[in-house]
C-alpha cells in the first residue's frame, strides 16, 4: 500500500496480481489496483479526469488519459472517501504506474492531485 497527500486530498493505492486472468505464456499479466481517495479538506471537490503513466519493463511507457474514473466523476464531500478498482495488463509482468487526477473546487478552479507510484510485479516472476 502506498499513499500520497496533495492539496488536502489523500490517495491510497493497494495492488494485487490477478492470477486467474493472467496468462504468462502469452505475455499477459493482469493486475488489479484499488484506489481510495479521501477529502481531508473542508470543501467538496469533484474528480474530473485522470492521467496515468504505465511502465512495462522492456516495453516502455504508455500514457492513459480520460474523463473521470470507471465512468464516474464523483463529488467527494469534506471528510468523505471514494473508492474504486480497475485493472491493468502488462506484457512483461514487471512495471509500475503513477499519475494524477484533476479535481475542481466549488469555485470551478481546477487542481492536480498526485497518484503515488506503485510497483507491479507478478507472483510468477517474484518466486
Protein backbone atom coordinates (compact mmCIF):
# COMPACT_ATOMS: atom_id res chain seq x y z
CA UNK A 1 0.00 0.00 0.00
CA UNK A 2 1.22 3.49 -0.88
CA UNK A 3 -0.33 6.89 -0.14
CA UNK A 4 0.19 10.49 -1.19
CA UNK A 5 -1.37 13.74 0.04
CA UNK A 6 -1.82 16.66 -2.36
CA UNK A 7 -3.96 19.75 -1.70
CA UNK A 8 -5.74 18.05 1.23
CA UNK A 9 -6.66 15.02 -0.88
CA UNK A 10 -5.17 11.67 0.17
CA UNK A 11 -4.82 8.95 -2.48
CA UNK A 12 -4.08 5.41 -1.28
CA UNK A 13 -3.32 2.52 -3.65
CA UNK A 14 -3.21 -1.21 -3.00
CA UNK A 15 -2.47 -3.76 -5.71
CA UNK A 16 -2.83 -7.45 -6.32
CA UNK A 17 -1.80 -9.81 -9.08
CA UNK A 18 -4.76 -11.44 -10.84
CA UNK A 19 -3.51 -15.00 -11.30
CA UNK A 20 -6.87 -16.23 -12.66
CA UNK A 21 -6.93 -13.85 -15.67
CA UNK A 22 -3.20 -13.83 -16.36
CA UNK A 23 -1.51 -15.99 -18.99
CA UNK A 24 2.27 -15.67 -18.59
CA UNK A 25 2.93 -17.94 -21.59
CA UNK A 26 1.08 -15.34 -23.71
CA UNK A 27 2.80 -12.33 -22.06
CA UNK A 28 -0.44 -11.33 -20.33
CA UNK A 29 -0.03 -10.30 -16.70
CA UNK A 30 -3.15 -8.75 -15.13
CA UNK A 31 -3.03 -6.56 -12.03
CA UNK A 32 -5.89 -5.13 -10.03
CA UNK A 33 -5.36 -1.80 -8.31
CA UNK A 34 -7.65 -0.44 -5.61
CA UNK A 35 -7.80 3.32 -5.12
CA UNK A 36 -9.16 5.19 -2.10
CA UNK A 37 -9.49 8.98 -2.38
CA UNK A 38 -10.10 10.84 0.87
CA UNK A 39 -11.03 14.51 1.11
CA UNK A 40 -9.15 15.85 4.14
CA UNK A 41 -10.17 19.44 3.36
CA UNK A 42 -13.22 21.48 4.36
CA UNK A 43 -14.79 21.94 0.92
CA UNK A 44 -16.26 19.39 -1.51
CA UNK A 45 -14.26 18.53 -4.62
CA UNK A 46 -15.23 16.95 -7.91
CA UNK A 47 -12.97 14.48 -9.73
CA UNK A 48 -12.92 15.47 -13.41
CA UNK A 49 -10.24 13.32 -15.05
CA UNK A 50 -7.15 11.17 -14.63
CA UNK A 51 -3.81 10.70 -16.32
CA UNK A 52 -1.68 7.57 -15.89
CA UNK A 53 1.88 6.77 -16.89
CA UNK A 54 2.20 2.99 -17.07
CA UNK A 55 5.67 1.47 -17.31
CA UNK A 56 6.06 -2.09 -18.60
CA UNK A 57 9.63 -3.40 -18.26
CA UNK A 58 11.10 -3.98 -21.69
CA UNK A 59 8.12 -2.37 -23.44
CA UNK A 60 8.35 1.21 -22.20
CA UNK A 61 5.75 3.76 -21.17
CA UNK A 62 2.08 4.09 -22.06
CA UNK A 63 0.09 7.20 -21.24
CA UNK A 64 -3.62 6.91 -20.49
CA UNK A 65 -5.92 9.91 -20.05
CA UNK A 66 -9.64 10.19 -19.69
CA UNK A 67 -12.66 11.71 -18.03
CA UNK A 68 -13.49 10.62 -14.50
CA UNK A 69 -12.77 7.14 -13.19
CA UNK A 70 -14.71 3.97 -14.06
CA UNK A 71 -17.25 6.16 -15.87
CA UNK A 72 -17.87 8.41 -12.86
CA UNK A 73 -17.00 12.00 -11.91
CA UNK A 74 -17.72 11.82 -8.19
CA UNK A 75 -18.10 14.75 -5.80
CA UNK A 76 -16.23 13.93 -2.60
CA UNK A 77 -17.51 15.86 0.40
CA UNK A 78 -15.31 17.05 3.25
CA UNK A 79 -14.23 14.08 5.36
CA UNK A 80 -15.58 11.53 2.90
CA UNK A 81 -13.88 8.81 0.87
CA UNK A 82 -14.43 7.46 -2.63
CA UNK A 83 -13.09 4.04 -3.59
CA UNK A 84 -12.87 2.14 -6.84
CA UNK A 85 -10.82 -0.56 -8.51
CA UNK A 86 -9.54 -1.11 -12.00
CA UNK A 87 -7.12 -3.36 -13.88
CA UNK A 88 -4.01 -3.03 -15.98
CA UNK A 89 -2.36 -5.58 -18.25
CA UNK A 90 1.42 -5.77 -18.63
CA UNK A 91 3.32 -7.81 -21.20
CA UNK A 92 6.42 -8.32 -19.06
CA UNK A 93 4.86 -8.94 -15.65
CA UNK A 94 7.01 -6.19 -14.09
CA UNK A 95 6.32 -2.47 -14.11
CA UNK A 96 4.79 0.45 -12.28
CA UNK A 97 2.14 3.13 -12.53
CA UNK A 98 1.78 6.72 -11.36
CA UNK A 99 -0.20 9.74 -12.39
CA UNK A 100 -2.60 12.43 -11.27
CA UNK A 101 -6.25 13.34 -11.04
CA UNK A 102 -7.72 16.69 -12.00
CA UNK A 103 -10.19 18.00 -9.42
CA UNK A 104 -12.48 21.01 -9.37
CA UNK A 105 -13.45 23.05 -6.32
CA UNK A 106 -16.84 24.83 -5.85
CA UNK A 107 -15.40 27.99 -7.49
CA UNK A 108 -14.75 25.93 -10.67
CA UNK A 109 -10.96 26.17 -10.20
CA UNK A 110 -9.10 23.01 -11.19
CA UNK A 111 -6.07 21.48 -9.49
CA UNK A 112 -3.96 18.33 -9.82
CA UNK A 113 -3.75 15.62 -7.16
CA UNK A 114 -0.86 13.19 -7.38
CA UNK A 115 -1.30 9.44 -7.53
CA UNK A 116 1.69 7.76 -5.87
CA UNK A 117 3.93 5.48 -7.91
CA UNK A 118 3.18 1.83 -7.23
CA UNK A 119 5.02 -1.27 -8.38
CA UNK A 120 3.50 -4.16 -10.29
CA UNK A 121 5.33 -7.49 -10.01
CA UNK A 122 3.62 -10.75 -10.91
CA UNK A 123 3.74 -13.60 -8.43
CA UNK A 124 5.00 -15.88 -11.18
CA UNK A 125 8.16 -13.79 -11.57
CA UNK A 126 8.72 -12.99 -7.90
CA UNK A 127 9.13 -16.62 -6.77
